[in-house]
Amino acid sequence: MTLTESVALVTGSNRGLGMAFAERLIARGIKKIYVTARDASLLENLVKLNPNSVCPITLDITQQRHIEDVLSQATDVTLLINNAGCNRNAALLGVAGIENAREEMETNYFGTLSMCRAFAPVLKNNGGGTIVNILSILSLVNLPASGSFSVSKAAAYSMNQGVRAELSGQNTSVVGVMPGSIDTDMARDFEGPKDKPVDVVDAVLQAIEDGIEDVYPGEMAQAVYQGHRQDAKAIEKEFAVFVS
């Protein structure tokens, strides 16, 4: 698709990767962009970049009433970037309760699915388009220190494939993005190498234009992806030592 002629909606636009997506799309002259956050007042700096094309909206993707409100305003969307996510960096068994796991699943799986369900008809009515789901390399392998996050992203990875199949007949492509650690607030406690948000964004935007469905941006994601293809059990054991 041609990005400059697109109308985009980016969830979680107020910081990190979502903000990088918004900034890059605005810089490239996108026709119109809806930027969203649970607190729309945090989007003022993005609006200042181009008040004529940037539309801020309040959105919590775990709240159906928010989604319906956004849906009523953004009827011209052709590019949906499901970026909003949650990572509580919690193990599956080594925590007192399962509240963290529920929150991650509600956001990373159910919230993302709800956005796909809501906007699939919009994209169809607009002649087709693209949905981008920001997943994680942990969709492929569980990192025990963030075990419940990994599970939620694995569910979203499978959902991404199912949605892609269901929308194949309406001229809508579905792109799954499996990055490694990105230098954002979500990964502030991670001590290993981190990719720059803008590098991940550039890789994704190029994939959209090239019609690539699965994106593994950055050296870490590429290494894990290739290793997983060659010997999935070896990668599982390599990650298994990282227990909180």
C-alpha atoms as a PDB file:
ATOM      1  CA  MET A   1       0.000   0.000   0.000  1.00  0.00           C
ATOM      2  CA  THR A   2       1.038   3.630  -0.470  1.00  0.00           C
ATOM      3  CA  LEU A   3       1.545   5.135   2.973  1.00  0.00           C
ATOM      4  CA  THR A   4       1.170   8.755   1.926  1.00  0.00           C
ATOM      5  CA  GLU A   5      -2.361   8.045   0.670  1.00  0.00           C
ATOM      6  CA  SER A   6      -3.344   6.082   3.779  1.00  0.00           C
ATOM      7  CA  VAL A   7      -5.440   7.011   6.779  1.00  0.00           C
ATOM      8  CA  ALA A   8      -3.835   5.432   9.845  1.00  0.00           C
ATOM      9  CA  LEU A   9      -4.860   4.692  13.406  1.00  0.00           C
ATOM     10  CA  VAL A  10      -2.129   3.901  15.938  1.00  0.00           C
ATOM     11  CA  THR A  11      -2.973   2.581  19.400  1.00  0.00           C
ATOM     12  CA  GLY A  12      -0.723   3.471  22.316  1.00  0.00           C
ATOM     13  CA  SER A  13       0.624   6.551  20.541  1.00  0.00           C
ATOM     14  CA  ASN A  14       1.669   8.488  23.630  1.00  0.00           C
ATOM     15  CA  ARG A  15       5.104   6.900  24.084  1.00  0.00           C
ATOM     16  CA  GLY A  16       7.613   4.332  22.937  1.00  0.00           C
ATOM     17  CA  LEU A  17       7.009   2.431  19.734  1.00  0.00           C
ATOM     18  CA  GLY A  18       3.547   3.892  19.188  1.00  0.00           C
ATOM     19  CA  MET A  19       4.891   7.427  19.309  1.00  0.00           C
ATOM     20  CA  ALA A  20       7.681   6.453  16.915  1.00  0.00           C
ATOM     21  CA  PHE A  21       5.101   5.061  14.477  1.00  0.00           C
ATOM     22  CA  ALA A  22       3.082   8.263  14.656  1.00  0.00           C
ATOM     23  CA  GLU A  23       6.100  10.532  14.252  1.00  0.00           C
ATOM     24  CA  ARG A  24       7.441   8.559  11.293  1.00  0.00           C
ATOM     25  CA  LEU A  25       4.093   8.452   9.505  1.00  0.00           C
ATOM     26  CA  ILE A  26       3.567  12.169  10.030  1.00  0.00           C
ATOM     27  CA  ALA A  27       7.082  12.885   8.732  1.00  0.00           C
ATOM     28  CA  ARG A  28       6.362  10.827   5.630  1.00  0.00           C
ATOM     29  CA  GLY A  29       3.303  12.943   4.891  1.00  0.00           C
ATOM     30  CA  ILE A  30       0.534  10.497   5.673  1.00  0.00           C
ATOM     31  CA  LYS A  31      -2.859  11.781   4.566  1.00  0.00           C
ATOM     32  CA  LYS A  32      -4.424  11.510   8.041  1.00  0.00           C
ATOM     33  CA  ILE A  33      -3.607   9.792  11.316  1.00  0.00           C
ATOM     34  CA  TYR A  34      -5.643   9.042  14.411  1.00  0.00           C
ATOM     35  CA  VAL A  35      -3.340   8.893  17.443  1.00  0.00           C
ATOM     36  CA  THR A  36      -4.748   7.275  20.566  1.00  0.00           C
ATOM     37  CA  ALA A  37      -3.969   6.854  24.243  1.00  0.00           C
ATOM     38  CA  ARG A  38      -5.870   6.208  27.443  1.00  0.00           C
ATOM     39  CA  ASP A  39      -5.233   9.889  28.216  1.00  0.00           C
ATOM     40  CA  ALA A  40      -5.570  11.951  25.030  1.00  0.00           C
ATOM     41  CA  SER A  41      -3.918  14.976  26.687  1.00  0.00           C
ATOM     42  CA  LEU A  42      -0.612  13.111  26.358  1.00  0.00           C
ATOM     43  CA  LEU A  43      -0.865  13.366  22.563  1.00  0.00           C
ATOM     44  CA  GLU A  44      -0.519  17.148  22.283  1.00  0.00           C
ATOM     45  CA  ASN A  45       3.076  17.027  21.012  1.00  0.00           C
ATOM     46  CA  LEU A  46       2.037  14.765  18.145  1.00  0.00           C
ATOM     47  CA  VAL A  47      -0.810  17.075  17.203  1.00  0.00           C
ATOM     48  CA  LYS A  48       1.629  19.994  17.046  1.00  0.00           C
ATOM     49  CA  LEU A  49       3.622  18.166  14.359  1.00  0.00           C
ATOM     50  CA  ASN A  50       0.734  18.599  11.919  1.00  0.00           C
ATOM     51  CA  PRO A  51      -2.566  19.843  13.371  1.00  0.00           C
ATOM     52  CA  ASN A  52      -4.281  19.431   9.999  1.00  0.00           C
ATOM     53  CA  SER A  53      -3.704  15.690   9.751  1.00  0.00           C
ATOM     54  CA  VAL A  54      -3.329  14.449  13.363  1.00  0.00           C
ATOM     55  CA  CYS A  55      -6.502  13.565  15.275  1.00  0.00           C
ATOM     56  CA  PRO A  56      -6.096  12.653  18.978  1.00  0.00           C
ATOM     57  CA  ILE A  57      -8.625  10.248  20.524  1.00  0.00           C
ATOM     58  CA  THR A  58      -8.978   8.657  23.958  1.00  0.00           C
ATOM     59  CA  LEU A  59      -8.763   4.868  23.720  1.00  0.00           C
ATOM     60  CA  ASP A  60      -8.285   2.016  26.156  1.00  0.00           C
ATOM     61  CA  ILE A  61      -8.415  -1.102  23.990  1.00  0.00           C
ATOM     62  CA  THR A  62      -9.707  -3.188  26.904  1.00  0.00           C
ATOM     63  CA  GLN A  63     -12.860  -1.047  27.041  1.00  0.00           C
ATOM     64  CA  GLN A  64     -15.441  -1.878  24.381  1.00  0.00           C
ATOM     65  CA  ARG A  65     -17.195   1.469  24.803  1.00  0.00           C
ATOM     66  CA  HIS A  66     -13.919   3.243  23.967  1.00  0.00           C
ATOM     67  CA  ILE A  67     -13.488   1.126  20.852  1.00  0.00           C
ATOM     68  CA  GLU A  68     -17.038   1.860  19.725  1.00  0.00           C
ATOM     69  CA  ASP A  69     -16.484   5.591  20.261  1.00  0.00           C
ATOM     70  CA  VAL A  70     -13.292   5.541  18.194  1.00  0.00           C
ATOM     71  CA  LEU A  71     -15.021   3.444  15.540  1.00  0.00           C
ATOM     72  CA  SER A  72     -17.713   6.100  15.135  1.00  0.00           C
ATOM     73  CA  GLN A  73     -15.065   8.773  14.515  1.00  0.00           C
ATOM     74  CA  ALA A  74     -12.494   6.901  12.422  1.00  0.00           C
ATOM     75  CA  THR A  75     -14.587   5.565   9.564  1.00  0.00           C
ATOM     76  CA  ASP A  76     -11.949   6.350   6.936  1.00  0.00           C
ATOM     77  CA  VAL A  77      -9.093   4.196   8.324  1.00  0.00           C
ATOM     78  CA  THR A  78      -7.115   2.073   5.867  1.00  0.00           C
ATOM     79  CA  LEU A  79      -4.096   1.298   8.079  1.00  0.00           C
ATOM     80  CA  LEU A  80      -4.605   0.004  11.630  1.00  0.00           C
ATOM     81  CA  ILE A  81      -1.504  -0.350  13.799  1.00  0.00           C
ATOM     82  CA  ASN A  82      -2.296  -2.332  16.946  1.00  0.00           C
ATOM     83  CA  ASN A  83       0.629  -1.263  19.095  1.00  0.00           C
ATOM     84  CA  ALA A  84      -0.874  -0.882  22.593  1.00  0.00           C
ATOM     85  CA  GLY A  85       0.424  -3.563  24.930  1.00  0.00           C
ATOM     86  CA  CYS A  86       1.122  -4.541  28.517  1.00  0.00           C
ATOM     87  CA  ASN A  87       4.076  -6.358  30.124  1.00  0.00           C
ATOM     88  CA  ARG A  88       4.144  -6.933  33.884  1.00  0.00           C
ATOM     89  CA  ASN A  89       7.422  -8.912  33.735  1.00  0.00           C
ATOM     90  CA  ALA A  90       5.901 -11.653  35.854  1.00  0.00           C
ATOM     91  CA  ALA A  91       6.464 -15.393  35.994  1.00  0.00           C
ATOM     92  CA  LEU A  92       3.615 -17.858  35.612  1.00  0.00           C
ATOM     93  CA  LEU A  93       3.987 -19.630  38.960  1.00  0.00           C
ATOM     94  CA  GLY A  94       6.325 -17.454  41.022  1.00  0.00           C
ATOM     95  CA  VAL A  95       3.818 -14.693  41.782  1.00  0.00           C
ATOM     96  CA  ALA A  96       1.080 -14.427  44.382  1.00  0.00           C
ATOM     97  CA  GLY A  97      -1.854 -14.322  41.954  1.00  0.00           C
ATOM     98  CA  ILE A  98      -2.802 -14.338  38.297  1.00  0.00           C
ATOM     99  CA  GLU A  99      -3.906 -10.696  38.055  1.00  0.00           C
ATOM    100  CA  ASN A 100      -0.834  -9.824  35.951  1.00  0.00           C
ATOM    101  CA  ALA A 101      -1.604 -12.629  33.529  1.00  0.00           C
ATOM    102  CA  ARG A 102      -5.226 -11.545  33.215  1.00  0.00           C
ATOM    103  CA  GLU A 103      -4.237  -7.936  32.503  1.00  0.00           C
ATOM    104  CA  GLU A 104      -1.690  -8.946  29.862  1.00  0.00           C
ATOM    105  CA  MET A 105      -4.164 -11.276  28.175  1.00  0.00           C
ATOM    106  CA  GLU A 106      -6.930  -8.668  28.261  1.00  0.00           C
ATOM    107  CA  THR A 107      -4.659  -6.117  26.581  1.00  0.00           C
ATOM    108  CA  ASN A 108      -2.330  -8.089  24.334  1.00  0.00           C
ATOM    109  CA  TYR A 109      -4.819 -10.673  23.117  1.00  0.00           C
ATOM    110  CA  PHE A 110      -8.435  -9.657  23.735  1.00  0.00           C
ATOM    111  CA  GLY A 111      -7.813  -5.934  23.242  1.00  0.00           C
ATOM    112  CA  THR A 112      -5.934  -6.466  19.990  1.00  0.00           C
ATOM    113  CA  LEU A 113      -8.560  -8.934  18.773  1.00  0.00           C
ATOM    114  CA  SER A 114     -11.316  -6.447  19.623  1.00  0.00           C
ATOM    115  CA  MET A 115      -9.614  -3.787  17.507  1.00  0.00           C
ATOM    116  CA  CYS A 116      -9.270  -6.210  14.581  1.00  0.00           C
ATOM    117  CA  ARG A 117     -12.927  -7.181  14.860  1.00  0.00           C
ATOM    118  CA  ALA A 118     -14.052  -3.550  15.043  1.00  0.00           C
ATOM    119  CA  PHE A 119     -12.028  -2.231  12.126  1.00  0.00           C
ATOM    120  CA  ALA A 120     -12.124  -5.135   9.687  1.00  0.00           C
ATOM    121  CA  PRO A 121     -15.491  -3.926   8.292  1.00  0.00           C
ATOM    122  CA  VAL A 122     -14.147  -0.360   8.089  1.00  0.00           C
ATOM    123  CA  LEU A 123     -11.196  -1.490   5.998  1.00  0.00           C
ATOM    124  CA  LYS A 124     -13.513  -3.518   3.775  1.00  0.00           C
ATOM    125  CA  ASN A 125     -15.797  -0.533   3.232  1.00  0.00           C
ATOM    126  CA  ASN A 126     -12.760   1.560   2.279  1.00  0.00           C
ATOM    127  CA  GLY A 127     -11.642  -0.907  -0.375  1.00  0.00           C
ATOM    128  CA  GLY A 128      -9.237  -2.872   1.810  1.00  0.00           C
ATOM    129  CA  GLY A 129      -6.112  -1.965   3.726  1.00  0.00           C
ATOM    130  CA  THR A 130      -3.617  -3.245   6.261  1.00  0.00           C
ATOM    131  CA  ILE A 131      -3.685  -4.309   9.895  1.00  0.00           C
ATOM    132  CA  VAL A 132      -0.351  -4.358  11.730  1.00  0.00           C
ATOM    133  CA  ASN A 133      -0.235  -6.310  14.989  1.00  0.00           C
ATOM    134  CA  ILE A 134       2.796  -5.640  17.190  1.00  0.00           C
ATOM    135  CA  LEU A 135       3.585  -9.001  18.751  1.00  0.00           C
ATOM    136  CA  SER A 136       6.980 -10.117  20.129  1.00  0.00           C
ATOM    137  CA  ILE A 137       9.725 -12.617  19.454  1.00  0.00           C
ATOM    138  CA  LEU A 138       8.423 -14.126  22.706  1.00  0.00           C
ATOM    139  CA  SER A 139       5.406 -15.200  20.661  1.00  0.00           C
ATOM    140  CA  LEU A 140       7.654 -18.064  19.531  1.00  0.00           C
ATOM    141  CA  VAL A 141       9.422 -18.934  22.784  1.00  0.00           C
ATOM    142  CA  ASN A 142       8.554 -18.385  26.438  1.00  0.00           C
ATOM    143  CA  LEU A 143      10.830 -16.234  28.575  1.00  0.00           C
ATOM    144  CA  PRO A 144      10.009 -17.519  32.096  1.00  0.00           C
ATOM    145  CA  ALA A 145      10.849 -14.203  33.784  1.00  0.00           C
ATOM    146  CA  SER A 146       8.042 -12.709  31.688  1.00  0.00           C
ATOM    147  CA  GLY A 147       6.116 -15.930  31.349  1.00  0.00           C
ATOM    148  CA  SER A 148       2.575 -14.584  31.296  1.00  0.00           C
ATOM    149  CA  PHE A 149       3.511 -11.833  28.825  1.00  0.00           C
ATOM    150  CA  SER A 150       4.979 -14.500  26.541  1.00  0.00           C
ATOM    151  CA  VAL A 151       1.756 -16.486  26.758  1.00  0.00           C
ATOM    152  CA  SER A 152      -0.361 -13.464  25.843  1.00  0.00           C
ATOM    153  CA  LYS A 153       1.840 -12.702  22.838  1.00  0.00           C
ATOM    154  CA  ALA A 154       1.757 -16.343  21.745  1.00  0.00           C
ATOM    155  CA  ALA A 155      -2.045 -16.145  21.786  1.00  0.00           C
ATOM    156  CA  ALA A 156      -1.887 -12.926  19.767  1.00  0.00           C
ATOM    157  CA  TYR A 157       0.503 -14.589  17.283  1.00  0.00           C
ATOM    158  CA  SER A 158      -2.011 -17.364  16.638  1.00  0.00           C
ATOM    159  CA  MET A 159      -4.822 -14.818  16.463  1.00  0.00           C
ATOM    160  CA  ASN A 160      -2.847 -12.859  13.879  1.00  0.00           C
ATOM    161  CA  GLN A 161      -2.739 -15.914  11.610  1.00  0.00           C
ATOM    162  CA  GLY A 162      -6.449 -16.572  12.011  1.00  0.00           C
ATOM    163  CA  VAL A 163      -7.431 -12.975  11.311  1.00  0.00           C
ATOM    164  CA  ARG A 164      -5.149 -12.951   8.265  1.00  0.00           C
ATOM    165  CA  ALA A 165      -6.951 -15.983   6.873  1.00  0.00           C
ATOM    166  CA  GLU A 166     -10.399 -14.544   7.528  1.00  0.00           C
ATOM    167  CA  LEU A 167      -9.579 -11.227   5.871  1.00  0.00           C
ATOM    168  CA  SER A 168      -7.751 -12.626   2.850  1.00  0.00           C
ATOM    169  CA  GLY A 169     -10.842 -12.233   0.715  1.00  0.00           C
ATOM    170  CA  GLN A 170     -11.446  -8.537   1.386  1.00  0.00           C
ATOM    171  CA  ASN A 171      -8.180  -7.052   0.117  1.00  0.00           C
ATOM    172  CA  THR A 172      -6.860  -6.582   3.649  1.00  0.00           C
ATOM    173  CA  SER A 173      -3.352  -7.698   4.574  1.00  0.00           C
ATOM    174  CA  VAL A 174      -2.427  -8.581   8.147  1.00  0.00           C
ATOM    175  CA  VAL A 175       1.177  -8.004   9.232  1.00  0.00           C
ATOM    176  CA  GLY A 176       2.644  -9.641  12.335  1.00  0.00           C
ATOM    177  CA  VAL A 177       5.662  -7.919  13.912  1.00  0.00           C
ATOM    178  CA  MET A 178       7.921  -9.968  16.199  1.00  0.00           C
ATOM    179  CA  PRO A 179      10.618  -7.650  17.583  1.00  0.00           C
ATOM    180  CA  GLY A 180      13.131  -8.398  20.287  1.00  0.00           C
ATOM    181  CA  SER A 181      13.709  -5.961  23.114  1.00  0.00           C
ATOM    182  CA  ILE A 182      13.069  -2.330  22.154  1.00  0.00           C
ATOM    183  CA  ASP A 183      14.487   0.692  23.952  1.00  0.00           C
ATOM    184  CA  THR A 184      11.206   1.881  25.495  1.00  0.00           C
ATOM    185  CA  ASP A 185       9.751   2.187  28.994  1.00  0.00           C
ATOM    186  CA  MET A 186       8.386  -1.348  28.736  1.00  0.00           C
ATOM    187  CA  ALA A 187      11.940  -2.735  28.519  1.00  0.00           C
ATOM    188  CA  ARG A 188      13.653  -0.283  30.874  1.00  0.00           C
ATOM    189  CA  ASP A 189      14.725  -3.090  33.265  1.00  0.00           C
ATOM    190  CA  PHE A 190      16.124  -5.299  30.499  1.00  0.00           C
ATOM    191  CA  GLU A 191      19.927  -5.189  30.566  1.00  0.00           C
ATOM    192  CA  GLY A 192      20.612  -6.739  27.169  1.00  0.00           C
ATOM    193  CA  PRO A 193      20.808  -5.075  23.744  1.00  0.00           C
ATOM    194  CA  LYS A 194      17.769  -3.107  22.644  1.00  0.00           C
ATOM    195  CA  ASP A 195      16.646  -1.942  19.224  1.00  0.00           C
ATOM    196  CA  LYS A 196      15.827   1.709  18.623  1.00  0.00           C
ATOM    197  CA  PRO A 197      12.082   2.284  18.164  1.00  0.00           C
ATOM    198  CA  VAL A 198      12.631   4.182  14.919  1.00  0.00           C
ATOM    199  CA  ASP A 199      14.584   1.254  13.439  1.00  0.00           C
ATOM    200  CA  VAL A 200      11.720  -1.125  14.218  1.00  0.00           C
ATOM    201  CA  VAL A 201       9.206   1.313  12.751  1.00  0.00           C
ATOM    202  CA  ASP A 202      11.202   1.747   9.548  1.00  0.00           C
ATOM    203  CA  ALA A 203      11.420  -2.025   9.106  1.00  0.00           C
ATOM    204  CA  VAL A 204       7.666  -2.379   9.575  1.00  0.00           C
ATOM    205  CA  LEU A 205       6.757   0.452   7.214  1.00  0.00           C
ATOM    206  CA  GLN A 206       9.039  -1.025   4.564  1.00  0.00           C
ATOM    207  CA  ALA A 207       7.390  -4.409   5.041  1.00  0.00           C
ATOM    208  CA  ILE A 208       3.955  -2.838   4.583  1.00  0.00           C
ATOM    209  CA  GLU A 209       5.014  -1.276   1.297  1.00  0.00           C
ATOM    210  CA  ASP A 210       6.689  -4.506   0.150  1.00  0.00           C
ATOM    211  CA  GLY A 211       3.749  -6.731   1.083  1.00  0.00           C
ATOM    212  CA  ILE A 212       5.672  -8.776   3.684  1.00  0.00           C
ATOM    213  CA  GLU A 213       3.411 -10.478   6.243  1.00  0.00           C
ATOM    214  CA  ASP A 214       5.842 -11.470   9.024  1.00  0.00           C
ATOM    215  CA  VAL A 215       8.503  -9.058  10.257  1.00  0.00           C
ATOM    216  CA  TYR A 216      11.382  -9.899  12.613  1.00  0.00           C
ATOM    217  CA  PRO A 217      13.120  -6.532  13.066  1.00  0.00           C
ATOM    218  CA  GLY A 218      16.545  -6.315  14.682  1.00  0.00           C
ATOM    219  CA  GLU A 219      19.418  -8.706  15.263  1.00  0.00           C
ATOM    220  CA  MET A 220      17.927 -10.363  18.356  1.00  0.00           C
ATOM    221  CA  ALA A 221      14.627 -11.148  16.662  1.00  0.00           C
ATOM    222  CA  GLN A 222      16.379 -12.469  13.570  1.00  0.00           C
ATOM    223  CA  ALA A 223      18.715 -14.675  15.637  1.00  0.00           C
ATOM    224  CA  VAL A 224      15.866 -16.175  17.689  1.00  0.00           C
ATOM    225  CA  TYR A 225      13.699 -16.660  14.601  1.00  0.00           C
ATOM    226  CA  GLN A 226      16.445 -18.465  12.697  1.00  0.00           C
ATOM    227  CA  GLY A 227      17.400 -20.517  15.740  1.00  0.00           C
ATOM    228  CA  HIS A 228      13.780 -21.461  16.335  1.00  0.00           C
ATOM    229  CA  ARG A 229      13.423 -22.656  12.746  1.00  0.00           C
ATOM    230  CA  GLN A 230      16.519 -24.835  13.066  1.00  0.00           C
ATOM    231  CA  ASP A 231      15.989 -26.229  16.574  1.00  0.00           C
ATOM    232  CA  ALA A 232      12.984 -24.973  18.550  1.00  0.00           C
ATOM    233  CA  LYS A 233      13.821 -27.141  21.569  1.00  0.00           C
ATOM    234  CA  ALA A 234      17.321 -25.696  21.816  1.00  0.00           C
ATOM    235  CA  ILE A 235      15.912 -22.156  21.842  1.00  0.00           C
ATOM    236  CA  GLU A 236      13.398 -23.166  24.524  1.00  0.00           C
ATOM    237  CA  LYS A 237      16.178 -24.478  26.749  1.00  0.00           C
ATOM    238  CA  GLU A 238      18.291 -21.385  26.117  1.00  0.00           C
ATOM    239  CA  PHE A 239      15.482 -19.117  27.312  1.00  0.00           C
ATOM    240  CA  ALA A 240      14.509 -21.430  30.187  1.00  0.00           C
ATOM    241  CA  VAL A 241      17.454 -20.303  32.323  1.00  0.00           C
ATOM    242  CA  PHE A 242      16.004 -16.787  32.625  1.00  0.00           C
ATOM    243  CA  VAL A 243      13.737 -17.334  35.598  1.00  0.00           C
ATOM    244  CA  SER A 244      12.913 -14.419  37.890  1.00  0.00           C
END
